[in-house]
C-alpha atoms as a PDB file:
ATOM      1  CA  UNK A   1       0.000   0.000   0.000  1.00  0.00           C
ATOM      2  CA  UNK A   2       1.364   3.411  -0.967  1.00  0.00           C
ATOM      3  CA  UNK A   3       1.327   6.297   1.497  1.00  0.00           C
ATOM      4  CA  UNK A   4       1.035   9.935   0.451  1.00  0.00           C
ATOM      5  CA  UNK A   5       0.726  13.131   2.404  1.00  0.00           C
ATOM      6  CA  UNK A   6      -2.000  15.705   1.966  1.00  0.00           C
ATOM      7  CA  UNK A   7       0.297  18.003  -0.042  1.00  0.00           C
ATOM      8  CA  UNK A   8       1.169  15.230  -2.505  1.00  0.00           C
ATOM      9  CA  UNK A   9      -2.508  14.288  -2.748  1.00  0.00           C
ATOM     10  CA  UNK A  10      -3.372  17.878  -3.672  1.00  0.00           C
ATOM     11  CA  UNK A  11      -0.592  18.105  -6.243  1.00  0.00           C
ATOM     12  CA  UNK A  12      -1.133  14.683  -7.841  1.00  0.00           C
ATOM     13  CA  UNK A  13      -4.815  13.918  -7.293  1.00  0.00           C
ATOM     14  CA  UNK A  14      -5.522  12.852 -10.885  1.00  0.00           C
ATOM     15  CA  UNK A  15      -2.546  10.500 -11.075  1.00  0.00           C
ATOM     16  CA  UNK A  16      -3.371   8.989  -7.686  1.00  0.00           C
ATOM     17  CA  UNK A  17      -7.005   8.461  -8.686  1.00  0.00           C
ATOM     18  CA  UNK A  18      -5.817   6.735 -11.864  1.00  0.00           C
ATOM     19  CA  UNK A  19      -3.762   4.361  -9.698  1.00  0.00           C
ATOM     20  CA  UNK A  20      -6.781   3.654  -7.498  1.00  0.00           C
ATOM     21  CA  UNK A  21      -8.940   3.031 -10.568  1.00  0.00           C
ATOM     22  CA  UNK A  22      -6.338   0.430 -11.596  1.00  0.00           C
ATOM     23  CA  UNK A  23      -6.740  -1.326  -8.232  1.00  0.00           C
ATOM     24  CA  UNK A  24      -4.179   0.365  -5.968  1.00  0.00           C
ATOM     25  CA  UNK A  25      -4.946   1.266  -2.356  1.00  0.00           C
ATOM     26  CA  UNK A  26      -3.412   4.542  -1.178  1.00  0.00           C
ATOM     27  CA  UNK A  27      -3.184   5.660   2.430  1.00  0.00           C
ATOM     28  CA  UNK A  28      -3.414   9.410   3.027  1.00  0.00           C
ATOM     29  CA  UNK A  29      -1.409  10.900   5.889  1.00  0.00           C
ATOM     30  CA  UNK A  30      -1.595  14.238   7.663  1.00  0.00           C
ATOM     31  CA  UNK A  31       1.678  15.167   9.396  1.00  0.00           C
ATOM     32  CA  UNK A  32       2.748  11.526   9.055  1.00  0.00           C
ATOM     33  CA  UNK A  33      -0.393  10.155  10.719  1.00  0.00           C
ATOM     34  CA  UNK A  34      -2.729   7.984   8.580  1.00  0.00           C
ATOM     35  CA  UNK A  35      -6.121   9.686   8.252  1.00  0.00           C
ATOM     36  CA  UNK A  36      -7.785   8.161   5.186  1.00  0.00           C
ATOM     37  CA  UNK A  37      -7.522   5.457   2.582  1.00  0.00           C
ATOM     38  CA  UNK A  38      -8.338   5.693  -1.133  1.00  0.00           C
ATOM     39  CA  UNK A  39      -9.657   2.348  -2.334  1.00  0.00           C
ATOM     40  CA  UNK A  40     -11.309   1.236  -5.573  1.00  0.00           C
ATOM     41  CA  UNK A  41     -15.084   1.042  -5.478  1.00  0.00           C
ATOM     42  CA  UNK A  42     -16.367  -2.508  -5.640  1.00  0.00           C
ATOM     43  CA  UNK A  43     -18.952  -3.123  -8.309  1.00  0.00           C
ATOM     44  CA  UNK A  44     -22.380  -3.018  -6.694  1.00  0.00           C
ATOM     45  CA  UNK A  45     -24.182  -4.770  -9.537  1.00  0.00           C
ATOM     46  CA  UNK A  46     -26.669  -1.990 -10.218  1.00  0.00           C
ATOM     47  CA  UNK A  47     -25.882  -1.523 -13.863  1.00  0.00           C
ATOM     48  CA  UNK A  48     -28.713  -1.051 -16.326  1.00  0.00           C
ATOM     49  CA  UNK A  49     -28.355  -4.662 -17.469  1.00  0.00           C
ATOM     50  CA  UNK A  50     -28.667  -5.950 -13.897  1.00  0.00           C
ATOM     51  CA  UNK A  51     -31.755  -3.812 -13.282  1.00  0.00           C
ATOM     52  CA  UNK A  52     -33.341  -5.142 -16.482  1.00  0.00           C
ATOM     53  CA  UNK A  53     -32.484  -8.748 -15.568  1.00  0.00           C
ATOM     54  CA  UNK A  54     -33.998  -8.366 -12.085  1.00  0.00           C
ATOM     55  CA  UNK A  55     -37.192  -6.821 -13.412  1.00  0.00           C
ATOM     56  CA  UNK A  56     -36.564  -3.498 -11.650  1.00  0.00           C
ATOM     57  CA  UNK A  57     -36.386  -1.677 -14.978  1.00  0.00           C
ATOM     58  CA  UNK A  58     -38.436  -2.087 -18.113  1.00  0.00           C
ATOM     59  CA  UNK A  59     -37.091  -0.904 -21.457  1.00  0.00           C
ATOM     60  CA  UNK A  60     -39.080   1.825 -23.113  1.00  0.00           C
ATOM     61  CA  UNK A  61     -41.294   1.192 -26.104  1.00  0.00           C
ATOM     62  CA  UNK A  62     -41.404   3.592 -29.009  1.00  0.00           C
ATOM     63  CA  UNK A  63     -39.674   6.932 -29.161  1.00  0.00           C
ATOM     64  CA  UNK A  64     -39.731   9.744 -26.633  1.00  0.00           C
ATOM     65  CA  UNK A  65     -41.053  12.193 -29.194  1.00  0.00           C
ATOM     66  CA  UNK A  66     -44.006   9.889 -29.954  1.00  0.00           C
ATOM     67  CA  UNK A  67     -45.632  10.841 -26.625  1.00  0.00           C
ATOM     68  CA  UNK A  68     -48.645  13.093 -27.093  1.00  0.00           C
ATOM     69  CA  UNK A  69     -48.584  16.399 -25.220  1.00  0.00           C
ATOM     70  CA  UNK A  70     -50.920  16.727 -22.252  1.00  0.00           C
ATOM     71  CA  UNK A  71     -53.627  19.334 -22.786  1.00  0.00           C
ATOM     72  CA  UNK A  72     -54.619  20.907 -19.476  1.00  0.00           C
ATOM     73  CA  UNK A  73     -58.097  22.295 -18.866  1.00  0.00           C
ATOM     74  CA  UNK A  74     -58.478  26.083 -19.042  1.00  0.00           C
ATOM     75  CA  UNK A  75     -57.572  27.819 -15.789  1.00  0.00           C
ATOM     76  CA  UNK A  76     -54.983  25.219 -14.774  1.00  0.00           C
ATOM     77  CA  UNK A  77     -51.833  26.981 -13.537  1.00  0.00           C
ATOM     78  CA  UNK A  78     -48.750  26.541 -15.699  1.00  0.00           C
ATOM     79  CA  UNK A  79     -45.664  24.749 -14.462  1.00  0.00           C
ATOM     80  CA  UNK A  80     -43.899  28.107 -14.402  1.00  0.00           C
ATOM     81  CA  UNK A  81     -46.608  29.550 -12.134  1.00  0.00           C
ATOM     82  CA  UNK A  82     -46.482  26.536  -9.806  1.00  0.00           C
ATOM     83  CA  UNK A  83     -42.693  26.759  -9.503  1.00  0.00           C
ATOM     84  CA  UNK A  84     -42.872  30.497  -8.798  1.00  0.00           C
ATOM     85  CA  UNK A  85     -45.440  29.828  -6.079  1.00  0.00           C
ATOM     86  CA  UNK A  86     -43.247  27.141  -4.493  1.00  0.00           C
ATOM     87  CA  UNK A  87     -40.242  29.465  -4.521  1.00  0.00           C
ATOM     88  CA  UNK A  88     -42.245  32.233  -2.843  1.00  0.00           C
ATOM     89  CA  UNK A  89     -43.234  29.851  -0.025  1.00  0.00           C
ATOM     90  CA  UNK A  90     -39.585  29.246   0.908  1.00  0.00           C
END
């Protein structure tokens, strides 16, 4: 396991992250004392293909632009009006 100080981390963050992406584990020190560890993220198995296989996601049918616009009844506030009202309530 490599050890790097905070200064080196700041100066070489991209290169260190590349090493971690390749599987390295890097210990970060502050004044020589270990304070953190950079480790690769383990695959959690939540890719699109996994979600499809588990039935948690259904592929779309048709094209997005094939959806008909929703016609609101007269007097219905617009999305812009609703957002403005929500912002005023904050």
